[in-house]
Amino acid sequence: MTDKMKILDALMTADLSKAEWTKSEFSGGTGQDCLEVTRVEGLGYVLRHSILKDHMIPLTDSEYAAYCQGVQARQPGLVP
């Protein structure tokens, strides 16, 4: 198993029961169309949908940073 796979596996098995999830301030008022993110210290980030809370996406620090940079740069395909 590669180091990256070990990190992603650790993110998926981390205890997130006390995680502080953050939503975009632009998600709207319903709370049902939100992408939420939490930071797992020393590992990276985990994304989830506000309704499908069991469906999580682990991202290393560098993957999350690259995604955010693409959104900030308005990269086609990442933003409408």
C-alpha atoms as a PDB file:
ATOM      1  CA  MET A   1       0.000   0.000   0.000  1.00  0.00           C
ATOM      2  CA  THR A   2       1.395   3.411  -0.966  1.00  0.00           C
ATOM      3  CA  ASP A   3       1.825   6.235   1.534  1.00  0.00           C
ATOM      4  CA  LYS A   4      -0.995   8.146  -0.155  1.00  0.00           C
ATOM      5  CA  MET A   5      -3.348   5.174   0.145  1.00  0.00           C
ATOM      6  CA  LYS A   6      -2.441   4.874   3.824  1.00  0.00           C
ATOM      7  CA  ILE A   7      -3.398   8.520   4.383  1.00  0.00           C
ATOM      8  CA  LEU A   8      -6.674   8.156   2.459  1.00  0.00           C
ATOM      9  CA  ASP A   9      -7.485   4.979   4.372  1.00  0.00           C
ATOM     10  CA  ALA A  10      -6.737   6.713   7.684  1.00  0.00           C
ATOM     11  CA  LEU A  11      -9.034   9.581   6.681  1.00  0.00           C
ATOM     12  CA  MET A  12     -11.847   7.134   5.877  1.00  0.00           C
ATOM     13  CA  THR A  13     -11.463   5.312   9.197  1.00  0.00           C
ATOM     14  CA  ALA A  14     -10.914   8.393  11.377  1.00  0.00           C
ATOM     15  CA  ASP A  15     -13.412   8.989  14.179  1.00  0.00           C
ATOM     16  CA  LEU A  16     -15.390  11.963  12.887  1.00  0.00           C
ATOM     17  CA  SER A  17     -18.116  11.805  15.538  1.00  0.00           C
ATOM     18  CA  LYS A  18     -16.880  15.054  17.078  1.00  0.00           C
ATOM     19  CA  ALA A  19     -15.693  16.679  13.856  1.00  0.00           C
ATOM     20  CA  GLU A  20     -16.556  20.299  13.192  1.00  0.00           C
ATOM     21  CA  TRP A  21     -18.047  20.417   9.708  1.00  0.00           C
ATOM     22  CA  THR A  22     -18.002  23.667   7.744  1.00  0.00           C
ATOM     23  CA  LYS A  23     -20.478  24.644   5.013  1.00  0.00           C
ATOM     24  CA  SER A  24     -20.148  27.421   2.505  1.00  0.00           C
ATOM     25  CA  GLU A  25     -21.858  30.629   3.538  1.00  0.00           C
ATOM     26  CA  PHE A  26     -23.344  30.598   0.018  1.00  0.00           C
ATOM     27  CA  SER A  27     -25.136  27.242   0.394  1.00  0.00           C
ATOM     28  CA  GLY A  28     -28.553  28.769   0.963  1.00  0.00           C
ATOM     29  CA  GLY A  29     -30.853  28.568   3.938  1.00  0.00           C
ATOM     30  CA  THR A  30     -32.225  25.042   3.628  1.00  0.00           C
ATOM     31  CA  GLY A  31     -29.125  23.206   4.774  1.00  0.00           C
ATOM     32  CA  GLN A  32     -29.917  20.464   2.285  1.00  0.00           C
ATOM     33  CA  ASP A  33     -27.793  21.411  -0.683  1.00  0.00           C
ATOM     34  CA  CYS A  34     -24.465  21.844   0.987  1.00  0.00           C
ATOM     35  CA  LEU A  35     -21.017  20.417   0.655  1.00  0.00           C
ATOM     36  CA  GLU A  36     -19.394  20.173   4.078  1.00  0.00           C
ATOM     37  CA  VAL A  37     -15.711  19.828   4.905  1.00  0.00           C
ATOM     38  CA  THR A  38     -13.726  18.961   8.002  1.00  0.00           C
ATOM     39  CA  ARG A  39     -10.004  18.911   8.630  1.00  0.00           C
ATOM     40  CA  VAL A  40      -8.413  15.831  10.165  1.00  0.00           C
ATOM     41  CA  GLU A  41      -5.211  17.064  11.782  1.00  0.00           C
ATOM     42  CA  GLY A  42      -2.087  15.531  10.297  1.00  0.00           C
ATOM     43  CA  LEU A  43      -3.959  13.727   7.513  1.00  0.00           C
ATOM     44  CA  GLY A  44      -6.050  16.002   5.309  1.00  0.00           C
ATOM     45  CA  TYR A  45      -9.707  16.763   4.694  1.00  0.00           C
ATOM     46  CA  VAL A  46     -12.979  14.892   4.390  1.00  0.00           C
ATOM     47  CA  LEU A  47     -15.877  16.156   2.272  1.00  0.00           C
ATOM     48  CA  ARG A  48     -19.504  15.076   2.570  1.00  0.00           C
ATOM     49  CA  HIS A  49     -22.939  16.100   1.384  1.00  0.00           C
ATOM     50  CA  SER A  50     -25.260  17.599   3.981  1.00  0.00           C
ATOM     51  CA  ILE A  51     -27.896  14.906   3.318  1.00  0.00           C
ATOM     52  CA  LEU A  52     -25.743  11.890   2.381  1.00  0.00           C
ATOM     53  CA  LYS A  53     -23.565  12.176   5.473  1.00  0.00           C
ATOM     54  CA  ASP A  54     -22.274   8.601   5.216  1.00  0.00           C
ATOM     55  CA  HIS A  55     -20.832   9.219   1.742  1.00  0.00           C
ATOM     56  CA  MET A  56     -17.458  10.814   2.341  1.00  0.00           C
ATOM     57  CA  ILE A  57     -14.572  11.813   0.113  1.00  0.00           C
ATOM     58  CA  PRO A  58     -11.084  11.837   1.658  1.00  0.00           C
ATOM     59  CA  LEU A  59      -8.536  14.306   0.303  1.00  0.00           C
ATOM     60  CA  THR A  60      -4.906  14.802   1.196  1.00  0.00           C
ATOM     61  CA  ASP A  61      -3.802  18.343   2.027  1.00  0.00           C
ATOM     62  CA  SER A  62      -2.317  18.798  -1.441  1.00  0.00           C
ATOM     63  CA  GLU A  63      -5.428  17.452  -3.208  1.00  0.00           C
ATOM     64  CA  TYR A  64      -7.721  19.761  -1.247  1.00  0.00           C
ATOM     65  CA  ALA A  65      -5.444  22.754  -1.887  1.00  0.00           C
ATOM     66  CA  ALA A  66      -5.349  21.999  -5.618  1.00  0.00           C
ATOM     67  CA  TYR A  67      -9.157  21.713  -5.768  1.00  0.00           C
ATOM     68  CA  CYS A  68      -9.648  24.999  -3.891  1.00  0.00           C
ATOM     69  CA  GLN A  69      -7.143  26.749  -6.160  1.00  0.00           C
ATOM     70  CA  GLY A  70      -9.057  25.508  -9.204  1.00  0.00           C
ATOM     71  CA  VAL A  71     -12.337  26.860  -7.836  1.00  0.00           C
ATOM     72  CA  GLN A  72     -10.750  30.183  -6.907  1.00  0.00           C
ATOM     73  CA  ALA A  73      -9.309  30.451 -10.433  1.00  0.00           C
ATOM     74  CA  ARG A  74     -12.809  29.664 -11.844  1.00  0.00           C
ATOM     75  CA  GLN A  75     -11.469  26.626 -13.703  1.00  0.00           C
ATOM     76  CA  PRO A  76     -14.010  25.391 -16.266  1.00  0.00           C
ATOM     77  CA  GLY A  77     -15.765  22.267 -15.060  1.00  0.00           C
ATOM     78  CA  LEU A  78     -15.303  23.148 -11.377  1.00  0.00           C
ATOM     79  CA  VAL A  79     -17.546  26.200 -11.327  1.00  0.00           C
ATOM     80  CA  PRO A  80     -20.716  27.011 -13.264  1.00  0.00           C
END
